[in-house]
N, C-alpha and C. Protein backbone atom coordinates (compact mmCIF):
# COMPACT_ATOMS: atom_id res chain seq x y z
N MET A 1 183.07 175.71 -80.73
CA MET A 1 182.94 176.11 -82.13
C MET A 1 183.14 177.62 -82.20
N ASN A 2 183.98 178.08 -83.12
CA ASN A 2 184.20 179.52 -83.22
C ASN A 2 183.07 180.17 -84.00
N ASN A 3 183.05 181.50 -83.99
CA ASN A 3 181.95 182.22 -84.63
C ASN A 3 181.86 181.94 -86.13
N ALA A 4 182.99 181.88 -86.82
CA ALA A 4 182.98 181.64 -88.27
C ALA A 4 182.39 180.27 -88.59
N ALA A 5 182.77 179.27 -87.82
CA ALA A 5 182.24 177.93 -88.04
C ALA A 5 180.75 177.89 -87.74
N GLY A 6 180.34 178.55 -86.69
CA GLY A 6 178.92 178.60 -86.33
C GLY A 6 178.09 179.27 -87.39
N ILE A 7 178.61 180.37 -87.94
CA ILE A 7 177.90 181.07 -89.01
C ILE A 7 177.83 180.21 -90.26
N THR A 8 178.91 179.51 -90.57
CA THR A 8 178.92 178.63 -91.75
C THR A 8 177.88 177.54 -91.61
N VAL A 9 177.82 176.91 -90.43
CA VAL A 9 176.83 175.86 -90.20
C VAL A 9 175.42 176.43 -90.32
N ALA A 10 175.18 177.60 -89.75
CA ALA A 10 173.86 178.23 -89.81
C ALA A 10 173.48 178.53 -91.25
N LEU A 11 174.43 179.03 -92.04
CA LEU A 11 174.15 179.32 -93.45
C LEU A 11 173.85 178.06 -94.24
N LEU A 12 174.58 176.99 -93.96
CA LEU A 12 174.34 175.72 -94.65
C LEU A 12 172.96 175.18 -94.32
N ILE A 13 172.58 175.24 -93.05
CA ILE A 13 171.25 174.77 -92.64
C ILE A 13 170.17 175.63 -93.27
N SER A 14 170.36 176.95 -93.24
CA SER A 14 169.38 177.85 -93.85
C SER A 14 169.24 177.59 -95.34
N GLY A 15 170.37 177.38 -96.01
CA GLY A 15 170.33 177.08 -97.45
C GLY A 15 169.59 175.80 -97.74
N ALA A 16 169.83 174.78 -96.93
CA ALA A 16 169.15 173.50 -97.12
C ALA A 16 167.65 173.65 -96.90
N LEU A 17 167.28 174.40 -95.86
CA LEU A 17 165.85 174.61 -95.59
C LEU A 17 165.21 175.41 -96.72
N PHE A 18 165.89 176.43 -97.21
CA PHE A 18 165.36 177.24 -98.30
C PHE A 18 165.17 176.39 -99.55
N THR A 19 166.16 175.56 -99.85
CA THR A 19 166.07 174.70 -101.02
C THR A 19 164.90 173.73 -100.89
N ALA A 20 164.73 173.15 -99.71
CA ALA A 20 163.62 172.22 -99.49
C ALA A 20 162.28 172.93 -99.64
N GLN A 21 162.18 174.17 -99.10
CA GLN A 21 160.93 174.91 -99.23
C GLN A 21 160.66 175.28 -100.68
N ALA A 22 161.70 175.73 -101.39
CA ALA A 22 161.51 176.10 -102.79
C ALA A 22 161.11 174.89 -103.62
N LYS A 23 161.73 173.75 -103.34
CA LYS A 23 161.41 172.53 -104.08
C LYS A 23 159.96 172.11 -103.78
N GLY A 24 159.54 172.24 -102.50
CA GLY A 24 158.19 171.89 -102.12
C GLY A 24 157.15 172.78 -102.77
N ALA A 25 157.57 174.00 -103.14
CA ALA A 25 156.64 174.95 -103.74
C ALA A 25 156.32 174.57 -105.18
N GLY A 26 157.14 173.78 -105.80
CA GLY A 26 156.89 173.34 -107.17
C GLY A 26 157.54 174.23 -108.20
N ASP A 27 157.75 173.69 -109.35
CA ASP A 27 158.40 174.35 -110.48
C ASP A 27 157.33 174.61 -111.54
N VAL A 28 157.04 175.88 -111.77
CA VAL A 28 155.97 176.27 -112.69
C VAL A 28 156.23 175.75 -114.10
N GLU A 29 157.46 175.89 -114.58
CA GLU A 29 157.77 175.45 -115.95
C GLU A 29 157.60 173.93 -116.09
N ALA A 30 158.10 173.19 -115.11
CA ALA A 30 157.92 171.73 -115.14
C ALA A 30 156.44 171.39 -115.03
N GLY A 31 155.70 172.13 -114.22
CA GLY A 31 154.27 171.92 -114.08
C GLY A 31 153.51 172.18 -115.36
N GLN A 32 153.94 173.19 -116.11
CA GLN A 32 153.30 173.48 -117.40
C GLN A 32 153.47 172.31 -118.36
N LYS A 33 154.67 171.76 -118.39
CA LYS A 33 154.92 170.62 -119.28
C LYS A 33 154.11 169.40 -118.85
N LEU A 34 154.09 169.14 -117.54
CA LEU A 34 153.31 168.01 -117.03
C LEU A 34 151.82 168.20 -117.30
N PHE A 35 151.33 169.40 -117.05
CA PHE A 35 149.92 169.68 -117.28
C PHE A 35 149.57 169.38 -118.73
N GLY A 36 150.38 169.88 -119.65
CA GLY A 36 150.12 169.64 -121.07
C GLY A 36 150.10 168.16 -121.41
N ARG A 37 150.97 167.40 -120.77
CA ARG A 37 151.09 165.98 -121.08
C ARG A 37 150.03 165.13 -120.39
N ILE A 38 149.72 165.41 -119.12
CA ILE A 38 148.83 164.51 -118.39
C ILE A 38 147.45 165.08 -118.08
N CYS A 39 147.29 166.39 -118.17
CA CYS A 39 146.00 166.99 -117.84
C CYS A 39 145.33 167.68 -119.03
N GLY A 40 146.15 168.19 -119.93
CA GLY A 40 145.67 169.04 -121.02
C GLY A 40 144.73 168.37 -122.01
N GLY A 41 144.69 167.07 -122.04
CA GLY A 41 143.75 166.39 -122.92
C GLY A 41 142.31 166.58 -122.49
N CYS A 42 142.10 166.85 -121.22
CA CYS A 42 140.74 166.99 -120.68
C CYS A 42 140.46 168.37 -120.06
N HIS A 43 141.50 169.03 -119.57
CA HIS A 43 141.33 170.30 -118.86
C HIS A 43 142.04 171.43 -119.57
N GLN A 44 141.48 172.64 -119.43
CA GLN A 44 142.09 173.84 -119.99
C GLN A 44 142.31 174.86 -118.89
N VAL A 45 143.32 175.71 -119.09
CA VAL A 45 143.57 176.87 -118.24
C VAL A 45 143.93 178.04 -119.14
N GLY A 46 143.83 179.22 -118.62
CA GLY A 46 144.20 180.41 -119.38
C GLY A 46 142.99 181.25 -119.74
N GLU A 47 143.27 182.34 -120.43
CA GLU A 47 142.25 183.33 -120.74
C GLU A 47 141.06 182.77 -121.51
N SER A 48 141.29 181.87 -122.44
CA SER A 48 140.19 181.34 -123.25
C SER A 48 139.75 179.94 -122.81
N ALA A 49 140.13 179.54 -121.60
CA ALA A 49 139.80 178.20 -121.11
C ALA A 49 138.30 177.99 -121.01
N ARG A 50 137.89 176.78 -121.36
CA ARG A 50 136.48 176.41 -121.23
C ARG A 50 136.43 174.93 -120.87
N ALA A 51 135.29 174.47 -120.48
CA ALA A 51 135.12 173.06 -120.15
C ALA A 51 135.27 172.24 -121.42
N SER A 52 135.80 171.05 -121.24
CA SER A 52 135.99 170.12 -122.35
C SER A 52 135.56 168.75 -121.82
N PHE A 53 136.45 167.77 -121.85
CA PHE A 53 136.15 166.48 -121.22
C PHE A 53 136.18 166.62 -119.71
N GLY A 54 136.78 167.70 -119.23
CA GLY A 54 136.83 168.04 -117.81
C GLY A 54 136.61 169.53 -117.66
N PRO A 55 136.37 170.00 -116.44
CA PRO A 55 136.15 171.44 -116.24
C PRO A 55 137.43 172.24 -116.47
N GLN A 56 137.27 173.52 -116.79
CA GLN A 56 138.43 174.41 -116.86
C GLN A 56 138.96 174.59 -115.43
N LEU A 57 140.24 174.83 -115.30
CA LEU A 57 140.85 174.84 -113.96
C LEU A 57 141.37 176.21 -113.53
N ASN A 58 140.94 177.28 -114.20
CA ASN A 58 141.29 178.62 -113.72
C ASN A 58 140.69 178.82 -112.33
N GLN A 59 141.40 179.46 -111.47
CA GLN A 59 140.94 179.79 -110.11
C GLN A 59 140.42 178.57 -109.36
N ILE A 60 141.13 177.46 -109.50
CA ILE A 60 140.71 176.22 -108.83
C ILE A 60 140.91 176.30 -107.32
N PHE A 61 141.94 176.99 -106.85
CA PHE A 61 142.20 177.06 -105.42
C PHE A 61 141.11 177.90 -104.75
N GLY A 62 140.44 177.32 -103.78
CA GLY A 62 139.35 177.99 -103.09
C GLY A 62 137.97 177.68 -103.68
N ARG A 63 137.94 177.00 -104.79
CA ARG A 63 136.68 176.64 -105.45
C ARG A 63 136.10 175.39 -104.80
N MET A 64 134.79 175.32 -104.73
CA MET A 64 134.12 174.11 -104.23
C MET A 64 134.07 173.08 -105.36
N SER A 65 134.20 171.83 -105.00
CA SER A 65 134.12 170.76 -105.99
C SER A 65 132.76 170.78 -106.69
N GLY A 66 132.80 170.54 -107.99
CA GLY A 66 131.56 170.45 -108.76
C GLY A 66 130.80 171.74 -108.89
N SER A 67 131.49 172.89 -108.90
CA SER A 67 130.76 174.15 -108.82
C SER A 67 130.79 175.04 -110.06
N THR A 68 131.61 174.74 -111.07
CA THR A 68 131.57 175.60 -112.25
C THR A 68 130.29 175.31 -113.03
N THR A 69 129.78 176.32 -113.69
CA THR A 69 128.48 176.17 -114.36
C THR A 69 128.59 175.65 -115.78
N ASP A 70 129.82 175.61 -116.32
CA ASP A 70 129.96 175.21 -117.72
C ASP A 70 130.40 173.75 -117.88
N TYR A 71 130.22 172.95 -116.85
CA TYR A 71 130.63 171.55 -116.95
C TYR A 71 129.60 170.67 -116.24
N GLN A 72 129.33 169.52 -116.81
CA GLN A 72 128.38 168.55 -116.24
C GLN A 72 129.15 167.58 -115.33
N TYR A 73 129.17 167.86 -114.04
CA TYR A 73 129.90 167.05 -113.07
C TYR A 73 129.14 165.77 -112.72
N SER A 74 129.88 164.78 -112.26
CA SER A 74 129.25 163.57 -111.72
C SER A 74 128.55 163.93 -110.41
N ASP A 75 127.57 163.14 -110.04
CA ASP A 75 126.90 163.36 -108.76
C ASP A 75 127.91 163.27 -107.61
N ALA A 76 128.87 162.37 -107.74
CA ALA A 76 129.89 162.20 -106.70
C ALA A 76 130.68 163.50 -106.49
N MET A 77 131.06 164.14 -107.58
CA MET A 77 131.84 165.38 -107.47
C MET A 77 130.98 166.52 -106.96
N LYS A 78 129.74 166.60 -107.42
CA LYS A 78 128.85 167.66 -106.97
C LYS A 78 128.57 167.55 -105.48
N SER A 79 128.48 166.34 -104.97
CA SER A 79 128.14 166.16 -103.55
C SER A 79 129.36 165.96 -102.65
N ALA A 80 130.57 166.04 -103.21
CA ALA A 80 131.77 165.78 -102.41
C ALA A 80 132.00 166.83 -101.32
N GLY A 81 131.60 168.06 -101.57
CA GLY A 81 131.76 169.10 -100.56
C GLY A 81 133.21 169.46 -100.25
N ILE A 82 134.07 169.37 -101.24
CA ILE A 82 135.49 169.65 -101.05
C ILE A 82 135.79 171.07 -101.51
N THR A 83 136.53 171.80 -100.70
CA THR A 83 137.10 173.07 -101.14
C THR A 83 138.49 172.75 -101.63
N TRP A 84 138.81 173.11 -102.87
CA TRP A 84 140.10 172.77 -103.44
C TRP A 84 141.19 173.68 -102.87
N THR A 85 142.09 173.06 -102.13
CA THR A 85 143.26 173.72 -101.55
C THR A 85 144.49 172.94 -102.01
N THR A 86 145.65 173.41 -101.65
CA THR A 86 146.86 172.66 -101.98
C THR A 86 146.76 171.25 -101.42
N GLN A 87 146.27 171.12 -100.20
CA GLN A 87 146.19 169.80 -99.56
C GLN A 87 145.15 168.90 -100.25
N THR A 88 143.97 169.43 -100.52
CA THR A 88 142.94 168.58 -101.12
C THR A 88 143.28 168.25 -102.57
N LEU A 89 143.86 169.20 -103.30
CA LEU A 89 144.26 168.92 -104.67
C LEU A 89 145.41 167.91 -104.72
N THR A 90 146.33 168.01 -103.77
CA THR A 90 147.43 167.03 -103.70
C THR A 90 146.86 165.64 -103.51
N ALA A 91 145.97 165.50 -102.54
CA ALA A 91 145.37 164.19 -102.28
C ALA A 91 144.61 163.70 -103.50
N TYR A 92 143.87 164.59 -104.16
CA TYR A 92 143.08 164.21 -105.33
C TYR A 92 143.97 163.79 -106.49
N LEU A 93 145.04 164.54 -106.74
CA LEU A 93 145.94 164.17 -107.84
C LEU A 93 146.67 162.86 -107.55
N GLU A 94 146.88 162.56 -106.29
CA GLU A 94 147.54 161.30 -105.95
C GLU A 94 146.59 160.11 -106.09
N ALA A 95 145.32 160.30 -105.76
CA ALA A 95 144.36 159.18 -105.80
C ALA A 95 142.94 159.72 -105.97
N PRO A 96 142.57 160.12 -107.18
CA PRO A 96 141.25 160.74 -107.39
C PRO A 96 140.07 159.92 -106.89
N LYS A 97 140.08 158.63 -107.17
CA LYS A 97 138.92 157.80 -106.81
C LYS A 97 138.87 157.51 -105.30
N LYS A 98 139.97 157.69 -104.62
CA LYS A 98 139.97 157.55 -103.17
C LYS A 98 139.39 158.81 -102.52
N VAL A 99 139.71 159.97 -103.07
CA VAL A 99 139.22 161.24 -102.51
C VAL A 99 137.75 161.46 -102.87
N VAL A 100 137.39 161.15 -104.11
CA VAL A 100 135.99 161.31 -104.55
C VAL A 100 135.56 159.99 -105.21
N PRO A 101 135.13 159.03 -104.38
CA PRO A 101 134.65 157.77 -104.95
C PRO A 101 133.47 158.04 -105.90
N GLY A 102 133.55 157.48 -107.08
CA GLY A 102 132.49 157.70 -108.06
C GLY A 102 132.79 158.82 -109.04
N THR A 103 133.94 159.47 -108.90
CA THR A 103 134.29 160.51 -109.86
C THR A 103 134.42 159.90 -111.25
N ARG A 104 134.08 160.70 -112.26
CA ARG A 104 134.22 160.22 -113.63
C ARG A 104 135.63 160.46 -114.18
N MET A 105 136.45 161.16 -113.44
CA MET A 105 137.79 161.46 -113.93
C MET A 105 138.58 160.17 -114.15
N ILE A 106 139.06 160.01 -115.37
CA ILE A 106 139.82 158.82 -115.73
C ILE A 106 141.30 159.16 -115.60
N PHE A 107 141.80 159.00 -114.40
CA PHE A 107 143.20 159.30 -114.10
C PHE A 107 143.58 158.44 -112.91
N TRP A 108 144.63 157.68 -113.04
CA TRP A 108 145.00 156.73 -111.99
C TRP A 108 145.71 157.38 -110.83
N GLY A 109 146.21 158.57 -111.02
CA GLY A 109 146.89 159.27 -109.94
C GLY A 109 148.34 159.55 -110.29
N LEU A 110 148.92 160.46 -109.57
CA LEU A 110 150.29 160.88 -109.77
C LEU A 110 151.02 160.65 -108.46
N SER A 111 151.91 159.66 -108.43
CA SER A 111 152.52 159.25 -107.16
C SER A 111 153.76 160.05 -106.77
N ASP A 112 154.33 160.83 -107.67
CA ASP A 112 155.54 161.59 -107.38
C ASP A 112 155.16 162.95 -106.77
N PRO A 113 155.47 163.17 -105.48
CA PRO A 113 155.09 164.43 -104.82
C PRO A 113 155.67 165.67 -105.50
N GLU A 114 156.85 165.54 -106.08
CA GLU A 114 157.47 166.68 -106.76
C GLU A 114 156.66 167.05 -108.01
N LYS A 115 156.19 166.06 -108.74
CA LYS A 115 155.38 166.33 -109.94
C LYS A 115 154.03 166.93 -109.55
N VAL A 116 153.44 166.45 -108.47
CA VAL A 116 152.19 167.03 -107.98
C VAL A 116 152.41 168.50 -107.64
N ALA A 117 153.48 168.79 -106.91
CA ALA A 117 153.80 170.18 -106.53
C ALA A 117 154.03 171.04 -107.77
N ASP A 118 154.65 170.49 -108.79
CA ASP A 118 154.89 171.24 -110.03
C ASP A 118 153.57 171.58 -110.72
N VAL A 119 152.68 170.62 -110.84
CA VAL A 119 151.38 170.87 -111.47
C VAL A 119 150.60 171.92 -110.68
N LEU A 120 150.62 171.81 -109.36
CA LEU A 120 149.90 172.78 -108.53
C LEU A 120 150.52 174.17 -108.63
N ALA A 121 151.84 174.25 -108.73
CA ALA A 121 152.50 175.55 -108.91
C ALA A 121 152.05 176.18 -110.23
N TYR A 122 151.94 175.37 -111.26
CA TYR A 122 151.47 175.86 -112.55
C TYR A 122 150.01 176.34 -112.45
N LEU A 123 149.16 175.55 -111.83
CA LEU A 123 147.75 175.94 -111.69
C LEU A 123 147.61 177.22 -110.86
N GLN A 124 148.50 177.41 -109.92
CA GLN A 124 148.47 178.61 -109.07
C GLN A 124 148.64 179.88 -109.91
N THR A 125 149.30 179.77 -111.05
CA THR A 125 149.50 180.94 -111.90
C THR A 125 148.20 181.38 -112.59
N PHE A 126 147.15 180.59 -112.47
CA PHE A 126 145.85 180.92 -113.08
C PHE A 126 144.81 181.27 -112.01
N GLN A 127 145.25 181.82 -110.91
CA GLN A 127 144.34 182.18 -109.83
C GLN A 127 143.74 183.56 -109.98
N ASP A 128 144.43 184.46 -110.61
CA ASP A 128 144.00 185.86 -110.61
C ASP A 128 143.35 186.28 -111.92
N GLY A 129 142.08 185.99 -112.06
CA GLY A 129 141.29 186.50 -113.17
C GLY A 129 141.61 185.98 -114.55
N GLN A 130 142.37 184.91 -114.67
CA GLN A 130 142.67 184.38 -116.01
C GLN A 130 141.46 183.69 -116.59
């Protein structure tokens, strides 16, 4: 293989890997739309967010389950002992009652990994003091 062909192959592989990583990171705009449609009826985010039918989700990453003071959590959520990370939130969004048996959250789960990544990318935008 000559140098030009080798460089072309390397660039194609790098581009494919970059695209896969970017896609895995989620699309904030798509996540905002999904959040509004599937989460926004119960949860709020943003500067004026407050608890509603569910807790507000500002600064969710790194938060312990059942720990905000402005929401009445189920005993199951309070005692779950989960730190919300990308991995734990992914699992929870895919199957809430499997991750926290006894949770009051009425949501059957989101089976599309791309949609989960989009919602998490959107929630990530509310990590810094919102």
